[in-house]
C-alpha atoms as a PDB file:
ATOM      1  CA  MET A   1      14.893  23.453  35.683  1.00  0.00           C
ATOM      2  CA  THR A   2      13.256  26.890  34.853  1.00  0.00           C
ATOM      3  CA  THR A   3      15.350  29.998  34.795  1.00  0.00           C
ATOM      4  CA  VAL A   4      13.443  31.427  37.830  1.00  0.00           C
ATOM      5  CA  ARG A   5      14.027  28.310  39.820  1.00  0.00           C
ATOM      6  CA  ARG A   6      17.686  28.213  38.947  1.00  0.00           C
ATOM      7  CA  LEU A   7      18.174  31.790  39.874  1.00  0.00           C
ATOM      8  CA  GLN A   8      16.298  31.156  43.263  1.00  0.00           C
ATOM      9  CA  ASP A   9      18.577  28.203  43.911  1.00  0.00           C
ATOM     10  CA  GLU A  10      21.678  30.246  43.083  1.00  0.00           C
ATOM     11  CA  THR A  11      20.545  33.115  45.334  1.00  0.00           C
ATOM     12  CA  ALA A  12      19.796  30.644  48.213  1.00  0.00           C
ATOM     13  CA  THR A  13      23.238  29.072  47.866  1.00  0.00           C
ATOM     14  CA  ALA A  14      24.903  32.538  47.817  1.00  0.00           C
ATOM     15  CA  ASP A  15      22.951  33.513  50.973  1.00  0.00           C
ATOM     16  CA  ASP A  16      23.951  30.279  52.642  1.00  0.00           C
ATOM     17  CA  ASP A  17      27.645  30.907  51.843  1.00  0.00           C
ATOM     18  CA  ALA A  18      27.372  34.434  53.143  1.00  0.00           C
ATOM     19  CA  GLY A  19      25.772  33.245  56.302  1.00  0.00           C
ATOM     20  CA  ARG A  20      28.486  30.753  56.888  1.00  0.00           C
ATOM     21  CA  PHE A  21      31.252  33.270  56.323  1.00  0.00           C
ATOM     22  CA  ARG A  22      29.590  35.784  58.615  1.00  0.00           C
ATOM     23  CA  ARG A  23      29.187  33.140  61.267  1.00  0.00           C
ATOM     24  CA  ARG A  24      32.745  32.196  61.055  1.00  0.00           C
ATOM     25  CA  LEU A  25      33.890  35.739  61.574  1.00  0.00           C
ATOM     26  CA  LEU A  26      31.623  36.114  64.524  1.00  0.00           C
ATOM     27  CA  ASP A  27      32.915  32.934  65.992  1.00  0.00           C
ATOM     28  CA  GLY A  28      36.464  34.093  65.319  1.00  0.00           C
ATOM     29  CA  LEU A  29      35.736  37.302  67.325  1.00  0.00           C
ATOM     30  CA  ALA A  30      34.155  35.326  70.134  1.00  0.00           C
ATOM     31  CA  THR A  31      37.114  32.966  70.418  1.00  0.00           C
ATOM     32  CA  SER A  32      39.549  35.821  70.521  1.00  0.00           C
ATOM     33  CA  ILE A  33      37.583  37.621  73.167  1.00  0.00           C
ATOM     34  CA  LYS A  34      37.648  34.428  75.269  1.00  0.00           C
ATOM     35  CA  GLU A  35      41.405  34.114  74.790  1.00  0.00           C
ATOM     36  CA  GLN A  36      42.638  37.674  75.039  1.00  0.00           C
ATOM     37  CA  GLY A  37      39.736  40.015  75.483  1.00  0.00           C
ATOM     38  CA  TYR A  38      38.066  42.464  73.127  1.00  0.00           C
ATOM     39  CA  ARG A  39      40.413  45.365  73.569  1.00  0.00           C
ATOM     40  CA  ASN A  40      43.515  43.124  72.634  1.00  0.00           C
ATOM     41  CA  THR A  41      41.704  41.560  69.619  1.00  0.00           C
ATOM     42  CA  THR A  42      42.683  42.738  66.193  1.00  0.00           C
ATOM     43  CA  ILE A  43      41.030  42.141  62.818  1.00  0.00           C
ATOM     44  CA  ALA A  44      44.065  39.957  62.061  1.00  0.00           C
ATOM     45  CA  ASP A  45      43.182  37.841  65.106  1.00  0.00           C
ATOM     46  CA  ILE A  46      39.599  37.472  63.927  1.00  0.00           C
ATOM     47  CA  VAL A  47      40.375  36.365  60.367  1.00  0.00           C
ATOM     48  CA  ARG A  48      43.101  34.058  61.525  1.00  0.00           C
ATOM     49  CA  ARG A  49      40.666  32.191  63.822  1.00  0.00           C
ATOM     50  CA  ALA A  50      37.977  32.430  61.177  1.00  0.00           C
ATOM     51  CA  ARG A  51      40.385  31.032  58.593  1.00  0.00           C
ATOM     52  CA  THR A  52      39.576  33.712  56.044  1.00  0.00           C
ATOM     53  CA  SER A  53      40.940  36.898  54.839  1.00  0.00           C
ATOM     54  CA  ARG A  54      40.876  40.602  55.596  1.00  0.00           C
ATOM     55  CA  ARG A  55      39.049  41.137  52.235  1.00  0.00           C
ATOM     56  CA  THR A  56      36.300  38.742  53.259  1.00  0.00           C
ATOM     57  CA  PHE A  57      36.066  40.392  56.733  1.00  0.00           C
ATOM     58  CA  TYR A  58      35.478  43.809  55.074  1.00  0.00           C
ATOM     59  CA  GLU A  59      32.816  42.330  52.821  1.00  0.00           C
ATOM     60  CA  TYR A  60      30.653  41.785  55.967  1.00  0.00           C
ATOM     61  CA  PHE A  61      31.906  44.326  58.504  1.00  0.00           C
ATOM     62  CA  SER A  62      33.303  47.781  58.271  1.00  0.00           C
ATOM     63  CA  SER A  63      35.315  47.512  61.519  1.00  0.00           C
ATOM     64  CA  LYS A  64      36.063  45.380  64.516  1.00  0.00           C
ATOM     65  CA  GLU A  65      33.456  47.311  66.361  1.00  0.00           C
ATOM     66  CA  ALA A  66      30.724  46.493  63.694  1.00  0.00           C
ATOM     67  CA  CYS A  67      31.622  42.853  64.081  1.00  0.00           C
ATOM     68  CA  PHE A  68      31.409  43.114  67.879  1.00  0.00           C
ATOM     69  CA  VAL A  69      28.013  44.807  67.640  1.00  0.00           C
ATOM     70  CA  ALA A  70      26.798  41.882  65.454  1.00  0.00           C
ATOM     71  CA  LEU A  71      28.152  39.335  67.828  1.00  0.00           C
ATOM     72  CA  LEU A  72      26.503  40.952  70.842  1.00  0.00           C
ATOM     73  CA  THR A  73      23.181  41.483  68.964  1.00  0.00           C
ATOM     74  CA  ALA A  74      23.057  37.774  68.113  1.00  0.00           C
ATOM     75  CA  ALA A  75      24.085  36.627  71.710  1.00  0.00           C
ATOM     76  CA  ASN A  76      21.505  38.849  73.414  1.00  0.00           C
ATOM     77  CA  ALA A  77      18.678  37.889  71.130  1.00  0.00           C
ATOM     78  CA  GLU A  78      19.441  34.232  71.932  1.00  0.00           C
ATOM     79  CA  MET A  79      19.631  34.951  75.599  1.00  0.00           C
ATOM     80  CA  ILE A  80      16.207  36.668  75.616  1.00  0.00           C
ATOM     81  CA  GLU A  81      14.704  33.752  73.658  1.00  0.00           C
ATOM     82  CA  ARG A  82      16.137  31.254  76.191  1.00  0.00           C
ATOM     83  CA  ILE A  83      14.812  33.175  79.247  1.00  0.00           C
ATOM     84  CA  LEU A  84      11.350  33.480  77.722  1.00  0.00           C
ATOM     85  CA  ALA A  85      11.311  29.774  76.865  1.00  0.00           C
ATOM     86  CA  ALA A  86      12.505  28.871  80.396  1.00  0.00           C
ATOM     87  CA  VAL A  87       9.690  30.642  82.287  1.00  0.00           C
ATOM     88  CA  ASP A  88       6.363  28.890  82.896  1.00  0.00           C
ATOM     89  CA  PRO A  89       3.708  31.667  82.937  1.00  0.00           C
ATOM     90  CA  ALA A  90       1.430  29.422  84.935  1.00  0.00           C
ATOM     91  CA  ALA A  91       3.864  28.849  87.784  1.00  0.00           C
ATOM     92  CA  PRO A  92       3.771  30.927  90.986  1.00  0.00           C
ATOM     93  CA  TRP A  93       5.421  34.283  90.518  1.00  0.00           C
ATOM     94  CA  LYS A  94       8.422  33.430  92.708  1.00  0.00           C
ATOM     95  CA  VAL A  95       9.038  30.316  90.680  1.00  0.00           C
ATOM     96  CA  GLN A  96       8.957  32.404  87.451  1.00  0.00           C
ATOM     97  CA  VAL A  97      11.515  34.805  88.870  1.00  0.00           C
ATOM     98  CA  ARG A  98      13.746  31.831  89.780  1.00  0.00           C
ATOM     99  CA  GLN A  99      13.357  30.326  86.337  1.00  0.00           C
ATOM    100  CA  ALA A 100      14.282  33.577  84.604  1.00  0.00           C
ATOM    101  CA  ILE A 101      17.309  34.317  86.771  1.00  0.00           C
ATOM    102  CA  GLU A 102      18.617  30.831  86.628  1.00  0.00           C
ATOM    103  CA  GLU A 103      18.469  30.976  82.803  1.00  0.00           C
ATOM    104  CA  TRP A 104      20.311  34.274  82.914  1.00  0.00           C
ATOM    105  CA  ILE A 105      22.964  32.607  85.047  1.00  0.00           C
ATOM    106  CA  ASP A 106      23.142  29.642  82.677  1.00  0.00           C
ATOM    107  CA  CYS A 107      23.714  31.983  79.717  1.00  0.00           C
ATOM    108  CA  ALA A 108      26.418  33.915  81.571  1.00  0.00           C
ATOM    109  CA  GLU A 109      28.099  30.734  82.715  1.00  0.00           C
ATOM    110  CA  ALA A 110      28.169  29.394  79.257  1.00  0.00           C
ATOM    111  CA  GLU A 111      29.938  32.472  77.705  1.00  0.00           C
ATOM    112  CA  PRO A 112      31.360  34.517  80.702  1.00  0.00           C
ATOM    113  CA  ALA A 113      33.984  36.302  78.609  1.00  0.00           C
ATOM    114  CA  ILE A 114      31.349  37.484  76.065  1.00  0.00           C
ATOM    115  CA  MET A 115      29.018  38.463  78.916  1.00  0.00           C
ATOM    116  CA  LEU A 116      31.769  40.446  80.647  1.00  0.00           C
ATOM    117  CA  SER A 117      32.851  42.135  77.388  1.00  0.00           C
ATOM    118  CA  TRP A 118      29.134  43.180  76.769  1.00  0.00           C
ATOM    119  CA  ILE A 119      28.955  44.758  80.311  1.00  0.00           C
ATOM    120  CA  ARG A 120      32.441  46.317  80.483  1.00  0.00           C
ATOM    121  CA  ASP A 121      33.601  47.114  76.913  1.00  0.00           C
ATOM    122  CA  VAL A 122      30.472  48.384  75.236  1.00  0.00           C
ATOM    123  CA  PRO A 123      30.014  51.551  77.310  1.00  0.00           C
ATOM    124  CA  SER A 124      33.501  52.844  76.266  1.00  0.00           C
ATOM    125  CA  LEU A 125      33.045  52.308  72.512  1.00  0.00           C
ATOM    126  CA  GLY A 126      31.535  54.433  69.741  1.00  0.00           C
ATOM    127  CA  ASP A 127      28.144  55.540  68.893  1.00  0.00           C
ATOM    128  CA  ALA A 128      27.040  52.284  67.238  1.00  0.00           C
ATOM    129  CA  ALA A 129      27.985  50.279  70.333  1.00  0.00           C
ATOM    130  CA  ARG A 130      26.239  52.803  72.672  1.00  0.00           C
ATOM    131  CA  ARG A 131      23.040  52.538  70.547  1.00  0.00           C
ATOM    132  CA  LEU A 132      23.395  48.802  70.799  1.00  0.00           C
ATOM    133  CA  GLN A 133      23.661  49.075  74.597  1.00  0.00           C
ATOM    134  CA  ARG A 134      20.476  51.069  74.725  1.00  0.00           C
ATOM    135  CA  ASP A 135      18.644  48.822  72.263  1.00  0.00           C
ATOM    136  CA  MET A 136      19.599  45.787  74.252  1.00  0.00           C
ATOM    137  CA  THR A 137      18.481  47.408  77.553  1.00  0.00           C
ATOM    138  CA  GLU A 138      15.136  48.195  75.922  1.00  0.00           C
ATOM    139  CA  ALA A 139      14.885  44.546  74.662  1.00  0.00           C
ATOM    140  CA  PHE A 140      15.461  43.235  78.206  1.00  0.00           C
ATOM    141  CA  ILE A 141      13.041  45.701  79.712  1.00  0.00           C
ATOM    142  CA  ALA A 142      10.392  44.628  77.231  1.00  0.00           C
ATOM    143  CA  MET A 143      11.073  40.940  78.008  1.00  0.00           C
ATOM    144  CA  ILE A 144      10.700  41.454  81.834  1.00  0.00           C
ATOM    145  CA  GLN A 145       7.534  43.448  81.448  1.00  0.00           C
ATOM    146  CA  THR A 146       6.169  40.808  79.157  1.00  0.00           C
ATOM    147  CA  LEU A 147       7.001  38.064  81.649  1.00  0.00           C
ATOM    148  CA  CYS A 148       5.210  40.173  84.366  1.00  0.00           C
ATOM    149  CA  ASP A 149       2.089  40.653  82.429  1.00  0.00           C
ATOM    150  CA  THR A 150       0.433  37.207  82.661  1.00  0.00           C
ATOM    151  CA  ASP A 151      -2.700  36.029  84.497  1.00  0.00           C
ATOM    152  CA  GLU A 152      -0.676  34.484  87.257  1.00  0.00           C
ATOM    153  CA  TRP A 153       1.372  37.569  87.781  1.00  0.00           C
ATOM    154  CA  ARG A 154      -1.515  39.939  87.773  1.00  0.00           C
ATOM    155  CA  ALA A 155      -3.619  37.633  90.141  1.00  0.00           C
ATOM    156  CA  ASN A 156      -0.924  36.675  92.638  1.00  0.00           C
ATOM    157  CA  GLY A 157       2.203  38.596  91.886  1.00  0.00           C
ATOM    158  CA  PRO A 158       3.531  41.929  93.179  1.00  0.00           C
ATOM    159  CA  GLY A 159       1.681  43.953  90.592  1.00  0.00           C
ATOM    160  CA  PRO A 160       2.932  45.894  87.485  1.00  0.00           C
ATOM    161  CA  VAL A 161       6.686  46.191  87.090  1.00  0.00           C
ATOM    162  CA  SER A 162       7.742  49.747  86.196  1.00  0.00           C
ATOM    163  CA  ARG A 163      10.438  50.629  83.776  1.00  0.00           C
ATOM    164  CA  GLN A 164      12.576  52.186  86.386  1.00  0.00           C
ATOM    165  CA  LEU A 165      12.319  49.008  88.689  1.00  0.00           C
ATOM    166  CA  THR A 166      13.228  46.898  85.707  1.00  0.00           C
ATOM    167  CA  ILE A 167      16.372  49.006  84.979  1.00  0.00           C
ATOM    168  CA  MET A 168      17.457  48.665  88.547  1.00  0.00           C
ATOM    169  CA  LEU A 169      17.031  44.925  88.369  1.00  0.00           C
ATOM    170  CA  LEU A 170      18.997  44.674  85.134  1.00  0.00           C
ATOM    171  CA  GLY A 171      21.729  46.851  86.467  1.00  0.00           C
ATOM    172  CA  GLY A 172      22.140  44.764  89.637  1.00  0.00           C
ATOM    173  CA  LEU A 173      22.302  41.529  87.716  1.00  0.00           C
ATOM    174  CA  ARG A 174      24.756  42.856  85.268  1.00  0.00           C
ATOM    175  CA  GLU A 175      27.124  44.180  87.853  1.00  0.00           C
ATOM    176  CA  LEU A 176      26.949  41.065  90.038  1.00  0.00           C
ATOM    177  CA  THR A 177      27.680  38.968  86.999  1.00  0.00           C
ATOM    178  CA  ALA A 178      30.615  41.209  85.904  1.00  0.00           C
ATOM    179  CA  ILE A 179      32.267  41.304  89.276  1.00  0.00           C
ATOM    180  CA  THR A 180      31.942  37.588  89.787  1.00  0.00           C
ATOM    181  CA  VAL A 181      33.712  36.925  86.411  1.00  0.00           C
ATOM    182  CA  GLU A 182      36.295  39.458  87.034  1.00  0.00           C
ATOM    183  CA  ASP A 183      37.055  37.851  90.368  1.00  0.00           C
ATOM    184  CA  SER A 184      37.496  34.450  88.635  1.00  0.00           C
ATOM    185  CA  GLY A 185      34.429  33.156  90.356  1.00  0.00           C
ATOM    186  CA  ARG A 186      31.667  30.877  89.080  1.00  0.00           C
ATOM    187  CA  VAL A 187      28.525  32.800  88.104  1.00  0.00           C
ATOM    188  CA  ARG A 188      26.570  29.673  89.282  1.00  0.00           C
ATOM    189  CA  ASP A 189      27.703  30.456  92.888  1.00  0.00           C
ATOM    190  CA  VAL A 190      25.819  33.758  92.982  1.00  0.00           C
ATOM    191  CA  SER A 191      22.658  32.197  91.529  1.00  0.00           C
ATOM    192  CA  GLU A 192      20.730  32.091  94.847  1.00  0.00           C
ATOM    193  CA  VAL A 193      21.760  35.617  95.777  1.00  0.00           C
ATOM    194  CA  ALA A 194      20.531  36.885  92.457  1.00  0.00           C
ATOM    195  CA  VAL A 195      17.232  34.989  92.774  1.00  0.00           C
ATOM    196  CA  GLN A 196      16.548  36.226  96.366  1.00  0.00           C
ATOM    197  CA  ALA A 197      17.603  39.770  95.611  1.00  0.00           C
ATOM    198  CA  SER A 198      15.353  39.899  92.514  1.00  0.00           C
ATOM    199  CA  ILE A 199      12.325  38.519  94.478  1.00  0.00           C
ATOM    200  CA  ALA A 200      12.898  41.054  97.258  1.00  0.00           C
ATOM    201  CA  LEU A 201      13.092  43.968  94.814  1.00  0.00           C
ATOM    202  CA  LEU A 202       9.955  42.885  92.989  1.00  0.00           C
ATOM    203  CA  ALA A 203       8.044  42.029  96.144  1.00  0.00           C
ATOM    204  CA  HIS A 204       8.574  45.549  97.464  1.00  0.00           C
ATOM    205  CA  ARG A 205       5.841  46.706  95.114  1.00  0.00           C
ATOM    206  CA  GLN A 206       3.354  44.188  96.556  1.00  0.00           C
ATOM    207  CA  PRO A 207      -0.118  45.570  96.655  1.00  0.00           C
ATOM    208  CA  ALA A 208      -2.170  45.889  99.862  1.00  0.00           C
ATOM    209  CA  GLY A 209      -3.813  42.797 101.105  1.00  0.00           C
ATOM    210  CA  ARG A 210      -1.317  40.260  99.872  1.00  0.00           C
ATOM    211  CA  GLY A 211       1.444  38.837 101.929  1.00  0.00           C
ATOM    212  CA  GLU A 212       4.883  37.794 100.545  1.00  0.00           C
ATOM    213  CA  ASP A 213       3.531  34.661  99.080  1.00  0.00           C
ATOM    214  CA  GLY A 214       0.291  36.201  97.813  1.00  0.00           C
ATOM    215  CA  ASP A 215      -1.688  34.533 100.548  1.00  0.00           C
ATOM    216  CA  GLY A 216      -3.471  37.574 101.970  1.00  0.00           C
ATOM    217  CA  GLY A 217      -0.839  38.357 104.641  1.00  0.00           C
ATOM    218  CA  PRO A 218       0.105  41.807 105.835  1.00  0.00           C
ATOM    219  CA  GLU A 219       0.948  44.480 103.347  1.00  0.00           C
ATOM    220  CA  GLU A 220       4.647  45.269 102.886  1.00  0.00           C
ATOM    221  CA  ARG A 221       5.353  48.856 103.443  1.00  0.00           C
ATOM    222  CA  PRO A 222       8.395  50.896 102.427  1.00  0.00           C
ATOM    223  CA  CYS A 223      10.746  51.918 105.268  1.00  0.00           C
ATOM    224  CA  PRO A 224      10.273  55.494 106.514  1.00  0.00           C
END
């Protein structure tokens, strides 16, 4: 084995080990959030569940908040990826909305404590967490505008989706999800409400000459 190849293999092994330790710490935080909430979680709780040491923790994260930011960054990236994969861009626009909302619900139902912590805990944390909140909002806005910029959507959908409308849609979904989890409800039970509300909000921008189903019906006009 050449020296270069050996060094490459050693570097790859070190990277793999680092990735495993980092993942264990993130999983440790996630487990603690599920069991006792983010605010009641300490670094000692994280390292105990990760079966590692404080020294190892500080090799990867400067604080509990930094670990939390990393956990939410990974969780939201996965959520966006899942929603994009769930939507069929050739389907009728209302079907696309349903597919996106139902995948959001599936993600929330799979990790309700993490979702609730993202919605409720992040706004009260420091600058890094607030930057994360803004970055995640921007990522979801970009995702929604991407989903609404297809041939099917342009031909038969309600038209371009503005940034402001997207923020309202996201805010409603987040609050509905949070309150449902806080009330010990099943997020799945509010799925249909979320779908219909999202369709109604998006359809309100319907262009002239298209009915609610894009079939040339009467134009929907705002209330006076």
